[in-house]
C-alpha atoms as a PDB file:
ATOM      1  CA  UNK A   1     127.815   7.579 184.940  1.00  0.00           C
ATOM      2  CA  UNK A   2     128.509   5.844 188.252  1.00  0.00           C
ATOM      3  CA  UNK A   3     125.268   5.253 190.101  1.00  0.00           C
ATOM      4  CA  UNK A   4     125.067   6.606 193.640  1.00  0.00           C
ATOM      5  CA  UNK A   5     124.368   3.896 196.196  1.00  0.00           C
ATOM      6  CA  UNK A   6     121.669   4.529 198.767  1.00  0.00           C
ATOM      7  CA  UNK A   7     123.010   4.425 202.291  1.00  0.00           C
ATOM      8  CA  UNK A   8     121.278   1.772 204.412  1.00  0.00           C
ATOM      9  CA  UNK A   9     120.105   4.294 206.951  1.00  0.00           C
ATOM     10  CA  UNK A  10     118.697   6.767 204.417  1.00  0.00           C
ATOM     11  CA  UNK A  11     114.916   7.036 204.137  1.00  0.00           C
ATOM     12  CA  UNK A  12     113.341   8.819 201.178  1.00  0.00           C
ATOM     13  CA  UNK A  13     109.720   9.985 201.337  1.00  0.00           C
ATOM     14  CA  UNK A  14     108.610   8.022 204.405  1.00  0.00           C
ATOM     15  CA  UNK A  15     105.120   6.598 203.875  1.00  0.00           C
ATOM     16  CA  UNK A  16     102.212   5.010 205.605  1.00  0.00           C
ATOM     17  CA  UNK A  17     101.177   1.519 204.549  1.00  0.00           C
ATOM     18  CA  UNK A  18      97.817   0.970 202.893  1.00  0.00           C
ATOM     19  CA  UNK A  19      95.556  -1.852 204.045  1.00  0.00           C
ATOM     20  CA  UNK A  20      96.450  -3.927 201.003  1.00  0.00           C
ATOM     21  CA  UNK A  21     100.146  -3.576 201.684  1.00  0.00           C
ATOM     22  CA  UNK A  22     100.863  -1.006 198.965  1.00  0.00           C
ATOM     23  CA  UNK A  23     102.615   2.059 200.416  1.00  0.00           C
ATOM     24  CA  UNK A  24     100.903   5.430 200.066  1.00  0.00           C
ATOM     25  CA  UNK A  25     102.777   8.727 199.790  1.00  0.00           C
ATOM     26  CA  UNK A  26     102.345  11.393 202.422  1.00  0.00           C
ATOM     27  CA  UNK A  27      99.696  13.996 201.859  1.00  0.00           C
ATOM     28  CA  UNK A  28     102.349  16.717 201.695  1.00  0.00           C
ATOM     29  CA  UNK A  29     104.629  14.731 199.360  1.00  0.00           C
ATOM     30  CA  UNK A  30     104.945  15.261 195.626  1.00  0.00           C
ATOM     31  CA  UNK A  31     105.565  11.539 195.125  1.00  0.00           C
ATOM     32  CA  UNK A  32     102.460  10.002 193.573  1.00  0.00           C
ATOM     33  CA  UNK A  33     103.670   6.415 193.304  1.00  0.00           C
ATOM     34  CA  UNK A  34     106.824   4.317 193.062  1.00  0.00           C
ATOM     35  CA  UNK A  35     107.784   0.697 192.708  1.00  0.00           C
ATOM     36  CA  UNK A  36     110.574  -1.648 191.723  1.00  0.00           C
ATOM     37  CA  UNK A  37     109.860  -3.790 188.668  1.00  0.00           C
ATOM     38  CA  UNK A  38     111.656  -7.109 188.333  1.00  0.00           C
ATOM     39  CA  UNK A  39     111.053  -9.072 185.140  1.00  0.00           C
ATOM     40  CA  UNK A  40     108.007  -6.894 184.530  1.00  0.00           C
ATOM     41  CA  UNK A  41     106.392  -7.576 187.911  1.00  0.00           C
ATOM     42  CA  UNK A  42     105.833  -4.949 190.583  1.00  0.00           C
ATOM     43  CA  UNK A  43     107.654  -5.236 193.887  1.00  0.00           C
ATOM     44  CA  UNK A  44     106.205  -2.693 196.331  1.00  0.00           C
ATOM     45  CA  UNK A  45     108.498  -1.307 199.000  1.00  0.00           C
ATOM     46  CA  UNK A  46     108.136   0.898 202.077  1.00  0.00           C
ATOM     47  CA  UNK A  47     110.254   3.724 200.670  1.00  0.00           C
ATOM     48  CA  UNK A  48     111.859   4.814 197.419  1.00  0.00           C
ATOM     49  CA  UNK A  49     115.229   4.021 198.959  1.00  0.00           C
ATOM     50  CA  UNK A  50     114.144   0.436 199.560  1.00  0.00           C
ATOM     51  CA  UNK A  51     113.063   0.112 195.939  1.00  0.00           C
ATOM     52  CA  UNK A  52     116.446   1.387 194.751  1.00  0.00           C
ATOM     53  CA  UNK A  53     118.328  -1.010 197.034  1.00  0.00           C
ATOM     54  CA  UNK A  54     116.152  -3.886 195.872  1.00  0.00           C
ATOM     55  CA  UNK A  55     117.149  -3.255 192.253  1.00  0.00           C
ATOM     56  CA  UNK A  56     120.794  -2.260 192.664  1.00  0.00           C
ATOM     57  CA  UNK A  57     121.705  -4.755 195.365  1.00  0.00           C
ATOM     58  CA  UNK A  58     119.608  -7.545 193.850  1.00  0.00           C
ATOM     59  CA  UNK A  59     120.411 -10.069 191.223  1.00  0.00           C
ATOM     60  CA  UNK A  60     122.134  -8.959 188.035  1.00  0.00           C
ATOM     61  CA  UNK A  61     122.004 -10.212 184.481  1.00  0.00           C
ATOM     62  CA  UNK A  62     124.903 -11.952 182.771  1.00  0.00           C
ATOM     63  CA  UNK A  63     126.011  -8.600 181.346  1.00  0.00           C
ATOM     64  CA  UNK A  64     126.234  -7.073 184.798  1.00  0.00           C
ATOM     65  CA  UNK A  65     123.132  -4.924 184.349  1.00  0.00           C
ATOM     66  CA  UNK A  66     120.209  -4.786 186.729  1.00  0.00           C
ATOM     67  CA  UNK A  67     117.400  -7.221 186.021  1.00  0.00           C
ATOM     68  CA  UNK A  68     114.795  -4.573 186.817  1.00  0.00           C
ATOM     69  CA  UNK A  69     114.238  -0.876 187.325  1.00  0.00           C
ATOM     70  CA  UNK A  70     112.610   1.636 189.652  1.00  0.00           C
ATOM     71  CA  UNK A  71     109.814   3.935 188.516  1.00  0.00           C
ATOM     72  CA  UNK A  72     109.138   7.012 190.638  1.00  0.00           C
ATOM     73  CA  UNK A  73     106.279   9.352 189.701  1.00  0.00           C
ATOM     74  CA  UNK A  74     106.117  12.910 191.037  1.00  0.00           C
ATOM     75  CA  UNK A  75     103.685  15.782 190.607  1.00  0.00           C
ATOM     76  CA  UNK A  76     105.081  19.316 190.882  1.00  0.00           C
ATOM     77  CA  UNK A  77     107.861  18.415 193.331  1.00  0.00           C
ATOM     78  CA  UNK A  78     109.718  20.926 195.452  1.00  0.00           C
ATOM     79  CA  UNK A  79     113.408  21.600 194.911  1.00  0.00           C
ATOM     80  CA  UNK A  80     114.247  19.619 198.052  1.00  0.00           C
ATOM     81  CA  UNK A  81     112.347  16.520 197.002  1.00  0.00           C
ATOM     82  CA  UNK A  82     113.800  16.478 193.510  1.00  0.00           C
ATOM     83  CA  UNK A  83     117.294  17.154 194.802  1.00  0.00           C
ATOM     84  CA  UNK A  84     117.062  14.094 197.052  1.00  0.00           C
ATOM     85  CA  UNK A  85     116.148  11.941 194.080  1.00  0.00           C
ATOM     86  CA  UNK A  86     118.913  13.545 192.030  1.00  0.00           C
ATOM     87  CA  UNK A  87     121.448  12.398 194.601  1.00  0.00           C
ATOM     88  CA  UNK A  88     120.140   8.841 194.496  1.00  0.00           C
ATOM     89  CA  UNK A  89     119.897   8.469 190.714  1.00  0.00           C
ATOM     90  CA  UNK A  90     122.763  10.744 189.708  1.00  0.00           C
ATOM     91  CA  UNK A  91     120.641  13.273 187.804  1.00  0.00           C
ATOM     92  CA  UNK A  92     122.380  16.208 186.169  1.00  0.00           C
ATOM     93  CA  UNK A  93     121.821  19.564 187.947  1.00  0.00           C
ATOM     94  CA  UNK A  94     120.789  21.315 184.720  1.00  0.00           C
ATOM     95  CA  UNK A  95     118.093  18.748 184.025  1.00  0.00           C
ATOM     96  CA  UNK A  96     116.928  18.899 187.644  1.00  0.00           C
ATOM     97  CA  UNK A  97     116.631  22.693 187.392  1.00  0.00           C
ATOM     98  CA  UNK A  98     114.513  22.342 184.237  1.00  0.00           C
ATOM     99  CA  UNK A  99     112.272  19.794 185.963  1.00  0.00           C
ATOM    100  CA  UNK A 100     111.718  22.072 188.962  1.00  0.00           C
ATOM    101  CA  UNK A 101     110.896  25.272 187.092  1.00  0.00           C
ATOM    102  CA  UNK A 102     109.128  23.660 184.102  1.00  0.00           C
ATOM    103  CA  UNK A 103     108.055  25.894 181.156  1.00  0.00           C
ATOM    104  CA  UNK A 104     110.363  24.011 178.787  1.00  0.00           C
ATOM    105  CA  UNK A 105     110.004  23.224 175.112  1.00  0.00           C
ATOM    106  CA  UNK A 106     109.663  19.552 174.153  1.00  0.00           C
ATOM    107  CA  UNK A 107     113.200  18.228 173.882  1.00  0.00           C
ATOM    108  CA  UNK A 108     115.534  15.269 174.341  1.00  0.00           C
ATOM    109  CA  UNK A 109     118.877  15.659 176.094  1.00  0.00           C
ATOM    110  CA  UNK A 110     121.485  13.141 177.216  1.00  0.00           C
ATOM    111  CA  UNK A 111     123.617  13.410 180.328  1.00  0.00           C
ATOM    112  CA  UNK A 112     126.036  10.456 180.276  1.00  0.00           C
ATOM    113  CA  UNK A 113     123.758   7.401 180.440  1.00  0.00           C
ATOM    114  CA  UNK A 114     120.659   9.318 181.568  1.00  0.00           C
ATOM    115  CA  UNK A 115     118.212  10.654 178.977  1.00  0.00           C
ATOM    116  CA  UNK A 116     116.063  13.659 179.844  1.00  0.00           C
ATOM    117  CA  UNK A 117     112.837  14.048 177.850  1.00  0.00           C
ATOM    118  CA  UNK A 118     110.362  16.927 178.060  1.00  0.00           C
ATOM    119  CA  UNK A 119     106.831  16.641 176.661  1.00  0.00           C
ATOM    120  CA  UNK A 120     103.938  19.078 176.686  1.00  0.00           C
ATOM    121  CA  UNK A 121     100.547  17.833 177.854  1.00  0.00           C
ATOM    122  CA  UNK A 122      97.308  19.499 176.757  1.00  0.00           C
ATOM    123  CA  UNK A 123      93.724  19.573 177.936  1.00  0.00           C
ATOM    124  CA  UNK A 124      90.584  21.231 176.577  1.00  0.00           C
ATOM    125  CA  UNK A 125      88.731  22.533 179.618  1.00  0.00           C
ATOM    126  CA  UNK A 126      85.747  24.799 180.228  1.00  0.00           C
ATOM    127  CA  UNK A 127      86.603  28.123 181.872  1.00  0.00           C
ATOM    128  CA  UNK A 128      83.105  29.460 182.631  1.00  0.00           C
ATOM    129  CA  UNK A 129      79.514  28.242 183.050  1.00  0.00           C
ATOM    130  CA  UNK A 130      78.806  29.279 179.465  1.00  0.00           C
ATOM    131  CA  UNK A 131      80.931  26.402 178.200  1.00  0.00           C
ATOM    132  CA  UNK A 132      83.839  28.408 176.787  1.00  0.00           C
ATOM    133  CA  UNK A 133      86.751  25.990 176.420  1.00  0.00           C
ATOM    134  CA  UNK A 134      90.450  26.755 176.221  1.00  0.00           C
ATOM    135  CA  UNK A 135      93.565  24.683 175.673  1.00  0.00           C
ATOM    136  CA  UNK A 136      95.530  24.346 178.905  1.00  0.00           C
ATOM    137  CA  UNK A 137      99.052  22.952 178.810  1.00  0.00           C
ATOM    138  CA  UNK A 138     101.221  21.124 181.294  1.00  0.00           C
ATOM    139  CA  UNK A 139     104.521  19.286 181.135  1.00  0.00           C
ATOM    140  CA  UNK A 140     105.954  15.856 181.775  1.00  0.00           C
ATOM    141  CA  UNK A 141     109.679  15.482 182.355  1.00  0.00           C
ATOM    142  CA  UNK A 142     111.185  12.000 182.175  1.00  0.00           C
ATOM    143  CA  UNK A 143     114.579  10.979 183.526  1.00  0.00           C
ATOM    144  CA  UNK A 144     115.361   7.636 181.909  1.00  0.00           C
ATOM    145  CA  UNK A 145     118.418   5.753 183.165  1.00  0.00           C
ATOM    146  CA  UNK A 146     119.677   2.171 182.924  1.00  0.00           C
ATOM    147  CA  UNK A 147     117.757   1.035 186.013  1.00  0.00           C
ATOM    148  CA  UNK A 148     115.282   3.799 186.781  1.00  0.00           C
ATOM    149  CA  UNK A 149     112.604   6.090 185.407  1.00  0.00           C
ATOM    150  CA  UNK A 150     111.620   9.315 187.165  1.00  0.00           C
ATOM    151  CA  UNK A 151     108.544  11.086 185.782  1.00  0.00           C
ATOM    152  CA  UNK A 152     107.890  14.658 186.888  1.00  0.00           C
ATOM    153  CA  UNK A 153     104.489  16.074 185.978  1.00  0.00           C
ATOM    154  CA  UNK A 154     103.451  19.739 186.039  1.00  0.00           C
ATOM    155  CA  UNK A 155      99.861  20.838 185.551  1.00  0.00           C
ATOM    156  CA  UNK A 156      96.518  19.124 185.967  1.00  0.00           C
ATOM    157  CA  UNK A 157      96.681  17.149 182.720  1.00  0.00           C
ATOM    158  CA  UNK A 158      98.400  13.955 181.687  1.00  0.00           C
ATOM    159  CA  UNK A 159      97.979  11.896 184.867  1.00  0.00           C
ATOM    160  CA  UNK A 160     100.221   8.832 184.619  1.00  0.00           C
ATOM    161  CA  UNK A 161      98.349   6.582 187.042  1.00  0.00           C
ATOM    162  CA  UNK A 162      96.397   4.891 184.208  1.00  0.00           C
ATOM    163  CA  UNK A 163      99.648   4.435 182.267  1.00  0.00           C
ATOM    164  CA  UNK A 164     101.272   2.638 185.187  1.00  0.00           C
ATOM    165  CA  UNK A 165      98.237   0.393 185.703  1.00  0.00           C
ATOM    166  CA  UNK A 166      98.069  -0.529 182.016  1.00  0.00           C
ATOM    167  CA  UNK A 167     101.775  -1.379 181.944  1.00  0.00           C
ATOM    168  CA  UNK A 168     101.517  -3.482 185.080  1.00  0.00           C
ATOM    169  CA  UNK A 169      98.900  -5.585 183.273  1.00  0.00           C
ATOM    170  CA  UNK A 170     101.528  -6.347 180.601  1.00  0.00           C
ATOM    171  CA  UNK A 171     104.636  -7.688 182.416  1.00  0.00           C
ATOM    172  CA  UNK A 172     106.225  -8.744 179.138  1.00  0.00           C
ATOM    173  CA  UNK A 173     106.440  -5.138 177.993  1.00  0.00           C
ATOM    174  CA  UNK A 174     107.565  -3.853 181.387  1.00  0.00           C
ATOM    175  CA  UNK A 175     110.352  -6.441 181.301  1.00  0.00           C
ATOM    176  CA  UNK A 176     111.832  -4.499 178.364  1.00  0.00           C
ATOM    177  CA  UNK A 177     112.998  -1.867 180.835  1.00  0.00           C
ATOM    178  CA  UNK A 178     112.683   1.910 181.263  1.00  0.00           C
ATOM    179  CA  UNK A 179     112.207   2.411 177.527  1.00  0.00           C
ATOM    180  CA  UNK A 180     108.809   0.717 177.833  1.00  0.00           C
ATOM    181  CA  UNK A 181     107.713   3.393 180.312  1.00  0.00           C
ATOM    182  CA  UNK A 182     109.083   6.103 178.039  1.00  0.00           C
ATOM    183  CA  UNK A 183     107.024   4.808 175.127  1.00  0.00           C
ATOM    184  CA  UNK A 184     103.861   4.443 177.224  1.00  0.00           C
ATOM    185  CA  UNK A 185     104.119   8.037 178.470  1.00  0.00           C
ATOM    186  CA  UNK A 186     104.774   9.367 174.966  1.00  0.00           C
ATOM    187  CA  UNK A 187     101.815   7.391 173.640  1.00  0.00           C
ATOM    188  CA  UNK A 188      99.593   8.805 176.399  1.00  0.00           C
ATOM    189  CA  UNK A 189     100.696  12.378 175.631  1.00  0.00           C
ATOM    190  CA  UNK A 190     100.101  12.019 171.888  1.00  0.00           C
ATOM    191  CA  UNK A 191      96.678  10.461 172.517  1.00  0.00           C
ATOM    192  CA  UNK A 192      95.873  13.595 174.508  1.00  0.00           C
ATOM    193  CA  UNK A 193      96.844  15.678 171.480  1.00  0.00           C
ATOM    194  CA  UNK A 194      94.444  13.663 169.324  1.00  0.00           C
ATOM    195  CA  UNK A 195      91.530  14.161 171.739  1.00  0.00           C
ATOM    196  CA  UNK A 196      92.094  17.910 172.049  1.00  0.00           C
ATOM    197  CA  UNK A 197      92.566  18.314 168.290  1.00  0.00           C
ATOM    198  CA  UNK A 198      89.247  16.550 167.658  1.00  0.00           C
ATOM    199  CA  UNK A 199      87.494  18.795 170.211  1.00  0.00           C
ATOM    200  CA  UNK A 200      88.954  21.920 168.583  1.00  0.00           C
ATOM    201  CA  UNK A 201      87.784  20.656 165.193  1.00  0.00           C
ATOM    202  CA  UNK A 202      84.224  20.368 166.499  1.00  0.00           C
ATOM    203  CA  UNK A 203      84.353  23.998 167.652  1.00  0.00           C
ATOM    204  CA  UNK A 204      85.736  25.092 164.289  1.00  0.00           C
ATOM    205  CA  UNK A 205      82.857  23.317 162.534  1.00  0.00           C
ATOM    206  CA  UNK A 206      80.365  25.108 164.782  1.00  0.00           C
ATOM    207  CA  UNK A 207      81.954  28.490 164.073  1.00  0.00           C
ATOM    208  CA  UNK A 208      82.000  27.815 160.333  1.00  0.00           C
ATOM    209  CA  UNK A 209      78.326  26.879 160.382  1.00  0.00           C
ATOM    210  CA  UNK A 210      77.454  30.002 162.383  1.00  0.00           C
ATOM    211  CA  UNK A 211      79.428  32.285 160.061  1.00  0.00           C
ATOM    212  CA  UNK A 212      77.688  31.020 156.923  1.00  0.00           C
ATOM    213  CA  UNK A 213      74.219  30.737 158.460  1.00  0.00           C
ATOM    214  CA  UNK A 214      71.463  33.192 157.406  1.00  0.00           C
ATOM    215  CA  UNK A 215      71.280  34.591 160.926  1.00  0.00           C
ATOM    216  CA  UNK A 216      73.534  37.506 161.679  1.00  0.00           C
ATOM    217  CA  UNK A 217      75.952  36.670 164.525  1.00  0.00           C
ATOM    218  CA  UNK A 218      79.231  38.098 165.781  1.00  0.00           C
ATOM    219  CA  UNK A 219      81.739  35.218 165.832  1.00  0.00           C
ATOM    220  CA  UNK A 220      84.934  37.277 165.650  1.00  0.00           C
ATOM    221  CA  UNK A 221      85.796  36.856 169.331  1.00  0.00           C
ATOM    222  CA  UNK A 222      85.286  33.109 169.142  1.00  0.00           C
ATOM    223  CA  UNK A 223      87.376  32.811 165.971  1.00  0.00           C
ATOM    224  CA  UNK A 224      90.265  34.706 167.528  1.00  0.00           C
ATOM    225  CA  UNK A 225      90.039  32.498 170.621  1.00  0.00           C
ATOM    226  CA  UNK A 226      90.186  29.381 168.465  1.00  0.00           C
ATOM    227  CA  UNK A 227      93.232  30.743 166.654  1.00  0.00           C
ATOM    228  CA  UNK A 228      94.911  31.216 170.022  1.00  0.00           C
ATOM    229  CA  UNK A 229      94.062  27.634 171.012  1.00  0.00           C
ATOM    230  CA  UNK A 230      95.517  26.359 167.737  1.00  0.00           C
ATOM    231  CA  UNK A 231      98.736  28.241 168.473  1.00  0.00           C
ATOM    232  CA  UNK A 232      98.888  26.572 171.894  1.00  0.00           C
ATOM    233  CA  UNK A 233      98.493  23.200 170.231  1.00  0.00           C
ATOM    234  CA  UNK A 234     101.214  24.013 167.715  1.00  0.00           C
ATOM    235  CA  UNK A 235     103.659  24.858 170.499  1.00  0.00           C
ATOM    236  CA  UNK A 236     103.006  21.489 172.120  1.00  0.00           C
ATOM    237  CA  UNK A 237     102.798  19.244 169.061  1.00  0.00           C
ATOM    238  CA  UNK A 238     105.370  20.647 166.652  1.00  0.00           C
ATOM    239  CA  UNK A 239     108.606  20.546 168.713  1.00  0.00           C
ATOM    240  CA  UNK A 240     107.971  16.974 169.930  1.00  0.00           C
ATOM    241  CA  UNK A 241     108.582  15.442 166.491  1.00  0.00           C
ATOM    242  CA  UNK A 242     112.375  15.784 166.725  1.00  0.00           C
ATOM    243  CA  UNK A 243     112.761  14.166 170.183  1.00  0.00           C
ATOM    244  CA  UNK A 244     110.518  11.240 169.214  1.00  0.00           C
ATOM    245  CA  UNK A 245     112.509  10.669 166.033  1.00  0.00           C
ATOM    246  CA  UNK A 246     115.781  10.748 167.958  1.00  0.00           C
ATOM    247  CA  UNK A 247     114.463   8.323 170.581  1.00  0.00           C
ATOM    248  CA  UNK A 248     113.828   5.729 167.892  1.00  0.00           C
ATOM    249  CA  UNK A 249     117.551   5.698 167.135  1.00  0.00           C
ATOM    250  CA  UNK A 250     118.873   5.422 170.700  1.00  0.00           C
ATOM    251  CA  UNK A 251     120.738   2.266 171.660  1.00  0.00           C
ATOM    252  CA  UNK A 252     119.060   1.903 175.053  1.00  0.00           C
ATOM    253  CA  UNK A 253     115.671   1.491 173.327  1.00  0.00           C
ATOM    254  CA  UNK A 254     114.947  -2.185 172.463  1.00  0.00           C
ATOM    255  CA  UNK A 255     113.927  -3.024 168.914  1.00  0.00           C
ATOM    256  CA  UNK A 256     110.394  -3.874 170.044  1.00  0.00           C
ATOM    257  CA  UNK A 257     109.963  -0.444 171.630  1.00  0.00           C
ATOM    258  CA  UNK A 258     111.418   1.306 168.582  1.00  0.00           C
ATOM    259  CA  UNK A 259     108.550  -0.064 166.508  1.00  0.00           C
ATOM    260  CA  UNK A 260     106.025   1.335 168.990  1.00  0.00           C
ATOM    261  CA  UNK A 261     107.835   4.689 169.087  1.00  0.00           C
ATOM    262  CA  UNK A 262     107.641   4.933 165.296  1.00  0.00           C
ATOM    263  CA  UNK A 263     103.908   4.337 165.553  1.00  0.00           C
ATOM    264  CA  UNK A 264     103.614   7.153 168.113  1.00  0.00           C
ATOM    265  CA  UNK A 265     105.670   9.383 165.814  1.00  0.00           C
ATOM    266  CA  UNK A 266     103.264   8.600 162.976  1.00  0.00           C
ATOM    267  CA  UNK A 267     100.283   9.601 165.135  1.00  0.00           C
ATOM    268  CA  UNK A 268     102.086  12.796 166.111  1.00  0.00           C
ATOM    269  CA  UNK A 269     102.720  13.630 162.459  1.00  0.00           C
ATOM    270  CA  UNK A 270      99.039  13.257 161.659  1.00  0.00           C
ATOM    271  CA  UNK A 271      98.044  15.471 164.579  1.00  0.00           C
ATOM    272  CA  UNK A 272     100.614  18.080 163.570  1.00  0.00           C
ATOM    273  CA  UNK A 273      99.267  18.180 160.010  1.00  0.00           C
ATOM    274  CA  UNK A 274      95.742  18.376 161.406  1.00  0.00           C
ATOM    275  CA  UNK A 275      96.580  21.334 163.635  1.00  0.00           C
ATOM    276  CA  UNK A 276      98.314  23.162 160.791  1.00  0.00           C
ATOM    277  CA  UNK A 277      95.202  22.639 158.671  1.00  0.00           C
ATOM    278  CA  UNK A 278      93.105  24.200 161.448  1.00  0.00           C
ATOM    279  CA  UNK A 279      95.104  27.409 161.225  1.00  0.00           C
ATOM    280  CA  UNK A 280      94.713  27.509 157.454  1.00  0.00           C
ATOM    281  CA  UNK A 281      90.977  26.849 157.817  1.00  0.00           C
ATOM    282  CA  UNK A 282      90.384  29.563 160.408  1.00  0.00           C
ATOM    283  CA  UNK A 283      91.956  32.283 158.259  1.00  0.00           C
ATOM    284  CA  UNK A 284      89.348  32.125 155.432  1.00  0.00           C
ATOM    285  CA  UNK A 285      86.569  31.717 158.005  1.00  0.00           C
ATOM    286  CA  UNK A 286      87.729  34.913 159.699  1.00  0.00           C
ATOM    287  CA  UNK A 287      88.021  36.714 156.361  1.00  0.00           C
ATOM    288  CA  UNK A 288      84.538  35.580 155.344  1.00  0.00           C
ATOM    289  CA  UNK A 289      83.122  36.743 158.669  1.00  0.00           C
ATOM    290  CA  UNK A 290      84.797  40.146 158.414  1.00  0.00           C
ATOM    291  CA  UNK A 291      83.506  40.489 154.844  1.00  0.00           C
ATOM    292  CA  UNK A 292      79.992  39.716 156.061  1.00  0.00           C
ATOM    293  CA  UNK A 293      80.355  42.290 158.819  1.00  0.00           C
ATOM    294  CA  UNK A 294      81.526  44.903 156.297  1.00  0.00           C
ATOM    295  CA  UNK A 295      78.661  44.117 153.919  1.00  0.00           C
ATOM    296  CA  UNK A 296      76.148  44.308 156.775  1.00  0.00           C
ATOM    297  CA  UNK A 297      77.575  47.629 157.907  1.00  0.00           C
ATOM    298  CA  UNK A 298      77.381  49.012 154.380  1.00  0.00           C
ATOM    299  CA  UNK A 299      73.781  47.824 154.117  1.00  0.00           C
ATOM    300  CA  UNK A 300      72.915  49.585 157.355  1.00  0.00           C
ATOM    301  CA  UNK A 301      74.634  52.772 156.210  1.00  0.00           C
ATOM    302  CA  UNK A 302      72.653  52.745 152.958  1.00  0.00           C
ATOM    303  CA  UNK A 303      69.401  52.365 154.875  1.00  0.00           C
ATOM    304  CA  UNK A 304      70.324  55.231 157.175  1.00  0.00           C
ATOM    305  CA  UNK A 305      71.306  57.402 154.203  1.00  0.00           C
ATOM    306  CA  UNK A 306      68.104  56.578 152.339  1.00  0.00           C
ATOM    307  CA  UNK A 307      65.855  57.426 155.281  1.00  0.00           C
ATOM    308  CA  UNK A 308      67.891  60.555 155.902  1.00  0.00           C
ATOM    309  CA  UNK A 309      67.301  61.686 152.325  1.00  0.00           C
ATOM    310  CA  UNK A 310      63.551  61.020 152.630  1.00  0.00           C
ATOM    311  CA  UNK A 311      63.182  62.974 155.844  1.00  0.00           C
ATOM    312  CA  UNK A 312      65.264  65.803 154.431  1.00  0.00           C
ATOM    313  CA  UNK A 313      62.442  66.784 152.022  1.00  0.00           C
ATOM    314  CA  UNK A 314      59.801  67.698 154.641  1.00  0.00           C
ATOM    315  CA  UNK A 315      62.515  69.244 156.800  1.00  0.00           C
ATOM    316  CA  UNK A 316      63.661  71.511 153.984  1.00  0.00           C
ATOM    317  CA  UNK A 317      60.124  72.586 152.987  1.00  0.00           C
ATOM    318  CA  UNK A 318      59.070  73.143 156.580  1.00  0.00           C
ATOM    319  CA  UNK A 319      62.233  75.152 157.129  1.00  0.00           C
ATOM    320  CA  UNK A 320      61.429  77.451 154.218  1.00  0.00           C
ATOM    321  CA  UNK A 321      57.832  78.073 155.308  1.00  0.00           C
ATOM    322  CA  UNK A 322      58.930  78.573 158.861  1.00  0.00           C
ATOM    323  CA  UNK A 323      60.688  81.836 157.893  1.00  0.00           C
ATOM    324  CA  UNK A 324      58.990  85.072 158.973  1.00  0.00           C
ATOM    325  CA  UNK A 325      58.577  86.787 155.582  1.00  0.00           C
ATOM    326  CA  UNK A 326      55.492  88.694 154.510  1.00  0.00           C
ATOM    327  CA  UNK A 327      55.571  87.592 150.908  1.00  0.00           C
ATOM    328  CA  UNK A 328      55.667  83.759 150.866  1.00  0.00           C
ATOM    329  CA  UNK A 329      54.222  81.774 147.916  1.00  0.00           C
ATOM    330  CA  UNK A 330      50.707  80.438 148.470  1.00  0.00           C
ATOM    331  CA  UNK A 331      50.509  81.668 152.068  1.00  0.00           C
ATOM    332  CA  UNK A 332      47.253  83.504 151.409  1.00  0.00           C
ATOM    333  CA  UNK A 333      45.725  80.707 149.357  1.00  0.00           C
ATOM    334  CA  UNK A 334      43.017  78.621 151.003  1.00  0.00           C
ATOM    335  CA  UNK A 335      44.447  75.335 149.749  1.00  0.00           C
ATOM    336  CA  UNK A 336      48.115  76.240 150.232  1.00  0.00           C
ATOM    337  CA  UNK A 337      48.597  74.105 153.339  1.00  0.00           C
ATOM    338  CA  UNK A 338      47.085  70.912 151.866  1.00  0.00           C
ATOM    339  CA  UNK A 339      49.066  71.498 148.694  1.00  0.00           C
ATOM    340  CA  UNK A 340      52.391  71.655 150.596  1.00  0.00           C
ATOM    341  CA  UNK A 341      51.506  68.485 152.496  1.00  0.00           C
ATOM    342  CA  UNK A 342      50.716  66.771 149.203  1.00  0.00           C
ATOM    343  CA  UNK A 343      54.046  67.880 147.680  1.00  0.00           C
ATOM    344  CA  UNK A 344      55.931  66.570 150.718  1.00  0.00           C
ATOM    345  CA  UNK A 345      54.081  63.252 150.602  1.00  0.00           C
ATOM    346  CA  UNK A 346      54.589  62.850 146.867  1.00  0.00           C
ATOM    347  CA  UNK A 347      58.309  63.646 147.095  1.00  0.00           C
ATOM    348  CA  UNK A 348      58.843  61.256 150.017  1.00  0.00           C
ATOM    349  CA  UNK A 349      56.965  58.445 148.270  1.00  0.00           C
ATOM    350  CA  UNK A 350      58.975  58.991 145.091  1.00  0.00           C
ATOM    351  CA  UNK A 351      62.268  58.800 147.001  1.00  0.00           C
ATOM    352  CA  UNK A 352      61.122  55.740 148.927  1.00  0.00           C
ATOM    353  CA  UNK A 353      60.146  53.952 145.726  1.00  0.00           C
ATOM    354  CA  UNK A 354      63.488  54.811 144.107  1.00  0.00           C
ATOM    355  CA  UNK A 355      65.506  53.555 147.060  1.00  0.00           C
ATOM    356  CA  UNK A 356      63.480  50.346 147.233  1.00  0.00           C
ATOM    357  CA  UNK A 357      64.029  49.758 143.529  1.00  0.00           C
ATOM    358  CA  UNK A 358      67.820  50.172 143.980  1.00  0.00           C
ATOM    359  CA  UNK A 359      67.909  47.870 147.004  1.00  0.00           C
ATOM    360  CA  UNK A 360      68.720  50.533 149.584  1.00  0.00           C
ATOM    361  CA  UNK A 361      65.527  49.905 151.550  1.00  0.00           C
END
């Protein structure tokens, strides 16, 4: 794809200068940071356009390729901002549309010499003062060209500032080109999967302990919530395996980076297996909990039935003697009333003893 040259008079994302000379994006701009990297070293510029000119109009390698690249980081950009960058870097309209609207599955697509990668980011955050945590997802879209990297982040998770700072401390790796940034972002995303998976595992352990504890608790709501969080993790982790595997075979990725990408793929495989095991573990926990609930309900029903049978005896006898008949047995006897009370007491005690012996009370 022929790269679009930046016109000398064009200014992209005008900025104010920081005291230390590093430009800062406007408050209303989606651009978080940008820089030109030459031989792995950062060259700060006043605008994105200046960074592009510095790379494309600067010195070239013996093969005619640029000796550096531009890295532009954006957070939830508007259509206008991303369209401006698309004109500069020659981004495909379909990929730009995906980056604007987000809500994409993890994937890897190629448009001429530009690779478009989508990754899901995850975070385990508390949603209420009670400490209830849920898995929240975001997205990172990466446009990776011969002399540029554009990262577009959606959501509050997966900030790439630490990734940029770590890479800038290792100029040798940055000198490998845009593929080094691609690997660093993928490694950061997968590390986030590992952290969230470990946090979910701790919650599963707590639920399992509560379910099998002697105390009677209702953990069904929490189990269903954990199953939903595991599904969210599956949607993020599972589809990323294919794109990572395909990246390892791309020609634009140096051999050194391919080794690192295979390591990231290995970590992703372990997380994916871990998340699948969570789902298999939650199913028997839920079944055990529902069995306990059923047993407890049956125990309560037996107690209610037993006490109902005991109280039925005095009710039945009192009902008979409450009838207005002239000829009732023992109504004229002096000890008739104490005798009836004794019969009721003896019958109730006999029933109570029988139910206790059978485990109903």
